[in-house]
Amino acid sequence: MTSKDISVSRNDGLDRYELRLDGTLVGVAEYQVEPASVALTHTNMEPDFRHQGYSSRLARFAVEDIISGGRRIKPYCSYMAAYLRKHPEYSHHVSWPQE
């Protein structure tokens, strides 16, 4: 098994966080900026890269970036909601959408 160069970044032009392996885009977490929060609306990982920890790495980057920007997190995406429920250390930064 070879080691892959993993990079995660925020793409403000497309309103999404991106995870790349060896320069190839394999996962995204889309968002919408609101006045006091960032709504995480959709997460997608290419099928060949699912269940390998890449989605959680993308989620952690997005969550920590939003927090460092002083905004709250609104998880409309089911994956992001599940990630945040598994990580209570972020709970005081989350505004849960009305169900």
N, C-alpha and C. Protein backbone atom coordinates (compact mmCIF):
# COMPACT_ATOMS: atom_id res chain seq x y z
N MET A 1 0.85 -1.18 0.00
CA MET A 1 0.00 0.00 0.00
C MET A 1 0.89 1.24 0.00
N THR A 2 0.57 2.19 -0.86
CA THR A 2 1.37 3.41 -0.94
C THR A 2 0.70 4.53 -0.15
N SER A 3 1.52 5.43 0.35
CA SER A 3 1.02 6.58 1.09
C SER A 3 0.53 7.63 0.10
N LYS A 4 -0.59 8.22 0.41
CA LYS A 4 -1.16 9.25 -0.46
C LYS A 4 -0.95 10.62 0.15
N ASP A 5 -0.72 11.61 -0.71
CA ASP A 5 -0.63 13.00 -0.29
C ASP A 5 -2.05 13.51 -0.11
N ILE A 6 -2.44 13.80 1.13
CA ILE A 6 -3.79 14.24 1.44
C ILE A 6 -3.78 15.73 1.72
N SER A 7 -4.67 16.46 1.05
CA SER A 7 -4.82 17.88 1.34
C SER A 7 -6.31 18.21 1.48
N VAL A 8 -6.61 19.06 2.45
CA VAL A 8 -7.97 19.51 2.67
C VAL A 8 -7.93 21.03 2.69
N SER A 9 -8.87 21.65 1.98
CA SER A 9 -8.87 23.11 1.89
C SER A 9 -10.30 23.63 1.75
N ARG A 10 -10.45 24.94 1.95
CA ARG A 10 -11.74 25.60 1.75
C ARG A 10 -11.68 26.31 0.40
N ASN A 11 -12.67 26.07 -0.43
CA ASN A 11 -12.77 26.71 -1.73
C ASN A 11 -13.92 27.71 -1.65
N ASP A 12 -13.59 28.97 -1.34
CA ASP A 12 -14.63 29.99 -1.18
C ASP A 12 -15.39 30.27 -2.48
N GLY A 13 -14.73 30.11 -3.62
CA GLY A 13 -15.38 30.36 -4.90
C GLY A 13 -16.51 29.40 -5.19
N LEU A 14 -16.41 28.17 -4.68
CA LEU A 14 -17.44 27.15 -4.90
C LEU A 14 -18.22 26.83 -3.63
N ASP A 15 -17.95 27.55 -2.53
CA ASP A 15 -18.64 27.33 -1.25
C ASP A 15 -18.58 25.86 -0.84
N ARG A 16 -17.35 25.35 -0.76
CA ARG A 16 -17.20 23.97 -0.33
C ARG A 16 -15.79 23.74 0.20
N TYR A 17 -15.70 22.72 1.03
CA TYR A 17 -14.41 22.21 1.49
C TYR A 17 -14.07 21.04 0.56
N GLU A 18 -12.79 20.89 0.27
CA GLU A 18 -12.37 19.86 -0.67
C GLU A 18 -11.27 18.99 -0.07
N LEU A 19 -11.36 17.70 -0.31
CA LEU A 19 -10.31 16.77 0.07
C LEU A 19 -9.74 16.19 -1.21
N ARG A 20 -8.41 16.30 -1.32
CA ARG A 20 -7.71 15.79 -2.50
C ARG A 20 -6.68 14.75 -2.09
N LEU A 21 -6.57 13.70 -2.90
CA LEU A 21 -5.55 12.67 -2.72
C LEU A 21 -4.64 12.73 -3.93
N ASP A 22 -3.38 12.97 -3.68
CA ASP A 22 -2.40 13.11 -4.77
C ASP A 22 -2.89 14.11 -5.82
N GLY A 23 -3.54 15.18 -5.37
CA GLY A 23 -4.00 16.24 -6.26
C GLY A 23 -5.36 16.01 -6.89
N THR A 24 -5.93 14.83 -6.72
CA THR A 24 -7.22 14.51 -7.33
C THR A 24 -8.34 14.75 -6.32
N LEU A 25 -9.35 15.50 -6.73
CA LEU A 25 -10.50 15.78 -5.87
C LEU A 25 -11.30 14.50 -5.67
N VAL A 26 -11.45 14.09 -4.39
CA VAL A 26 -12.21 12.87 -4.11
C VAL A 26 -13.37 13.09 -3.14
N GLY A 27 -13.40 14.26 -2.47
CA GLY A 27 -14.49 14.52 -1.54
C GLY A 27 -14.75 16.00 -1.37
N VAL A 28 -16.03 16.33 -1.13
CA VAL A 28 -16.42 17.73 -0.90
C VAL A 28 -17.45 17.81 0.22
N ALA A 29 -17.43 18.93 0.91
CA ALA A 29 -18.46 19.26 1.89
C ALA A 29 -18.95 20.66 1.53
N GLU A 30 -20.16 20.75 1.03
CA GLU A 30 -20.72 22.02 0.58
C GLU A 30 -21.29 22.79 1.76
N TYR A 31 -21.24 24.12 1.66
CA TYR A 31 -21.72 24.97 2.75
C TYR A 31 -22.36 26.24 2.21
N GLN A 32 -23.13 26.90 3.09
CA GLN A 32 -23.69 28.22 2.82
C GLN A 32 -23.38 29.09 4.03
N VAL A 33 -22.80 30.24 3.77
CA VAL A 33 -22.47 31.17 4.85
C VAL A 33 -23.72 31.96 5.22
N GLU A 34 -24.02 31.99 6.51
CA GLU A 34 -25.13 32.76 7.05
C GLU A 34 -24.54 33.84 7.96
N PRO A 35 -25.34 34.80 8.42
CA PRO A 35 -24.77 35.90 9.22
C PRO A 35 -23.92 35.47 10.42
N ALA A 36 -24.38 34.51 11.20
CA ALA A 36 -23.62 34.12 12.39
C ALA A 36 -23.21 32.65 12.38
N SER A 37 -23.45 31.98 11.25
CA SER A 37 -23.17 30.55 11.21
C SER A 37 -22.81 30.13 9.79
N VAL A 38 -22.41 28.87 9.67
CA VAL A 38 -22.18 28.25 8.38
C VAL A 38 -23.02 26.98 8.33
N ALA A 39 -23.89 26.89 7.33
CA ALA A 39 -24.72 25.71 7.16
C ALA A 39 -23.97 24.70 6.31
N LEU A 40 -23.77 23.51 6.85
CA LEU A 40 -23.15 22.41 6.11
C LEU A 40 -24.29 21.65 5.44
N THR A 41 -24.34 21.72 4.11
CA THR A 41 -25.53 21.26 3.39
C THR A 41 -25.40 19.89 2.71
N HIS A 42 -24.18 19.51 2.34
CA HIS A 42 -24.04 18.23 1.62
C HIS A 42 -22.57 17.80 1.66
N THR A 43 -22.36 16.52 1.90
CA THR A 43 -21.01 15.95 1.86
C THR A 43 -21.02 14.78 0.90
N ASN A 44 -19.99 14.70 0.07
CA ASN A 44 -19.88 13.59 -0.88
C ASN A 44 -18.43 13.13 -0.97
N MET A 45 -18.25 11.83 -0.92
CA MET A 45 -16.94 11.22 -1.09
C MET A 45 -17.07 10.22 -2.25
N GLU A 46 -16.11 10.23 -3.15
CA GLU A 46 -16.13 9.27 -4.25
C GLU A 46 -16.21 7.85 -3.67
N PRO A 47 -17.01 6.98 -4.28
CA PRO A 47 -17.23 5.64 -3.73
C PRO A 47 -15.97 4.85 -3.39
N ASP A 48 -14.94 4.92 -4.20
CA ASP A 48 -13.72 4.16 -3.94
C ASP A 48 -12.96 4.64 -2.71
N PHE A 49 -13.34 5.81 -2.17
CA PHE A 49 -12.61 6.38 -1.04
C PHE A 49 -13.45 6.45 0.24
N ARG A 50 -14.62 5.85 0.21
CA ARG A 50 -15.48 5.83 1.40
C ARG A 50 -14.98 4.77 2.38
N HIS A 51 -15.34 4.95 3.64
CA HIS A 51 -15.04 3.99 4.72
C HIS A 51 -13.54 3.81 4.93
N GLN A 52 -12.77 4.88 4.69
CA GLN A 52 -11.33 4.83 4.91
C GLN A 52 -10.86 5.98 5.79
N GLY A 53 -11.82 6.71 6.38
CA GLY A 53 -11.46 7.81 7.27
C GLY A 53 -11.35 9.16 6.59
N TYR A 54 -11.49 9.20 5.27
CA TYR A 54 -11.34 10.47 4.57
C TYR A 54 -12.50 11.43 4.85
N SER A 55 -13.72 10.90 4.95
CA SER A 55 -14.88 11.76 5.22
C SER A 55 -14.76 12.44 6.58
N SER A 56 -14.31 11.69 7.58
CA SER A 56 -14.17 12.29 8.91
C SER A 56 -13.05 13.32 8.93
N ARG A 57 -12.02 13.09 8.14
CA ARG A 57 -10.94 14.08 8.05
C ARG A 57 -11.45 15.37 7.41
N LEU A 58 -12.27 15.25 6.37
CA LEU A 58 -12.90 16.40 5.73
C LEU A 58 -13.83 17.11 6.70
N ALA A 59 -14.62 16.35 7.44
CA ALA A 59 -15.55 16.93 8.42
C ALA A 59 -14.79 17.68 9.51
N ARG A 60 -13.75 17.08 10.06
CA ARG A 60 -12.97 17.72 11.12
C ARG A 60 -12.37 19.05 10.63
N PHE A 61 -11.84 19.06 9.42
CA PHE A 61 -11.26 20.29 8.88
C PHE A 61 -12.34 21.36 8.76
N ALA A 62 -13.50 21.00 8.20
CA ALA A 62 -14.58 21.97 8.02
C ALA A 62 -15.05 22.53 9.36
N VAL A 63 -15.30 21.65 10.31
CA VAL A 63 -15.77 22.07 11.64
C VAL A 63 -14.76 22.99 12.31
N GLU A 64 -13.51 22.62 12.31
CA GLU A 64 -12.49 23.45 12.96
C GLU A 64 -12.28 24.77 12.24
N ASP A 65 -12.42 24.78 10.93
CA ASP A 65 -12.31 26.03 10.17
C ASP A 65 -13.46 26.98 10.51
N ILE A 66 -14.66 26.45 10.59
CA ILE A 66 -15.83 27.27 10.92
C ILE A 66 -15.68 27.85 12.32
N ILE A 67 -15.28 27.02 13.27
CA ILE A 67 -15.09 27.48 14.65
C ILE A 67 -14.00 28.54 14.71
N SER A 68 -12.90 28.34 14.02
CA SER A 68 -11.81 29.32 14.08
C SER A 68 -12.22 30.65 13.46
N GLY A 69 -13.23 30.64 12.59
CA GLY A 69 -13.75 31.86 12.00
C GLY A 69 -14.78 32.55 12.88
N GLY A 70 -15.07 31.97 14.05
CA GLY A 70 -16.00 32.60 14.98
C GLY A 70 -17.46 32.40 14.66
N ARG A 71 -17.77 31.44 13.82
CA ARG A 71 -19.18 31.18 13.47
C ARG A 71 -19.65 29.86 14.09
N ARG A 72 -20.96 29.72 14.14
CA ARG A 72 -21.56 28.48 14.62
C ARG A 72 -21.78 27.54 13.43
N ILE A 73 -21.96 26.28 13.74
CA ILE A 73 -22.14 25.24 12.72
C ILE A 73 -23.60 24.82 12.69
N LYS A 74 -24.19 24.80 11.49
CA LYS A 74 -25.56 24.28 11.32
C LYS A 74 -25.47 23.06 10.40
N PRO A 75 -25.60 21.86 10.96
CA PRO A 75 -25.47 20.65 10.15
C PRO A 75 -26.78 20.19 9.50
N TYR A 76 -27.02 20.60 8.28
CA TYR A 76 -28.17 20.12 7.53
C TYR A 76 -27.85 18.79 6.85
N CYS A 77 -26.60 18.55 6.60
CA CYS A 77 -26.13 17.30 5.97
C CYS A 77 -26.16 16.17 7.01
N SER A 78 -26.71 15.03 6.63
CA SER A 78 -26.83 13.92 7.59
C SER A 78 -25.46 13.41 8.03
N TYR A 79 -24.48 13.39 7.13
CA TYR A 79 -23.15 12.93 7.53
C TYR A 79 -22.55 13.86 8.57
N MET A 80 -22.63 15.17 8.32
CA MET A 80 -22.06 16.14 9.26
C MET A 80 -22.79 16.09 10.60
N ALA A 81 -24.10 15.91 10.57
CA ALA A 81 -24.86 15.79 11.81
C ALA A 81 -24.38 14.58 12.61
N ALA A 82 -24.20 13.45 11.94
CA ALA A 82 -23.73 12.24 12.61
C ALA A 82 -22.32 12.45 13.16
N TYR A 83 -21.46 13.09 12.39
CA TYR A 83 -20.09 13.36 12.85
C TYR A 83 -20.12 14.21 14.12
N LEU A 84 -20.95 15.25 14.12
CA LEU A 84 -21.00 16.14 15.29
C LEU A 84 -21.60 15.44 16.51
N ARG A 85 -22.53 14.54 16.31
CA ARG A 85 -23.08 13.78 17.44
C ARG A 85 -22.02 12.85 18.04
N LYS A 86 -21.11 12.36 17.21
CA LYS A 86 -20.03 11.48 17.69
C LYS A 86 -18.91 12.26 18.35
N HIS A 87 -18.90 13.58 18.18
CA HIS A 87 -17.83 14.42 18.71
C HIS A 87 -18.42 15.53 19.58
N PRO A 88 -18.81 15.18 20.81
CA PRO A 88 -19.46 16.17 21.69
C PRO A 88 -18.57 17.34 22.06
N GLU A 89 -17.26 17.24 21.82
CA GLU A 89 -16.37 18.36 22.12
C GLU A 89 -16.71 19.59 21.28
N TYR A 90 -17.48 19.41 20.21
CA TYR A 90 -17.89 20.54 19.37
C TYR A 90 -19.30 21.03 19.69
N SER A 91 -19.99 20.38 20.61
CA SER A 91 -21.42 20.65 20.83
C SER A 91 -21.74 22.10 21.14
N HIS A 92 -20.86 22.81 21.82
CA HIS A 92 -21.16 24.21 22.16
C HIS A 92 -20.97 25.15 20.97
N HIS A 93 -20.61 24.60 19.80
CA HIS A 93 -20.47 25.41 18.59
C HIS A 93 -21.55 25.08 17.56
N VAL A 94 -22.50 24.21 17.93
CA VAL A 94 -23.49 23.71 16.98
C VAL A 94 -24.85 24.34 17.26
N SER A 95 -25.49 24.80 16.19
CA SER A 95 -26.90 25.23 16.23
C SER A 95 -27.67 24.22 15.39
N TRP A 96 -28.38 23.32 16.05
CA TRP A 96 -29.09 22.28 15.34
C TRP A 96 -30.28 22.88 14.60
N PRO A 97 -30.45 22.55 13.31
CA PRO A 97 -31.61 23.03 12.55
C PRO A 97 -32.89 22.47 13.15
N GLN A 98 -33.98 23.20 12.97
CA GLN A 98 -35.29 22.72 13.47
C GLN A 98 -35.67 21.46 12.70
N GLU A 99 -36.14 20.49 13.42
CA GLU A 99 -36.53 19.22 12.77
C GLU A 99 -37.99 19.23 12.43
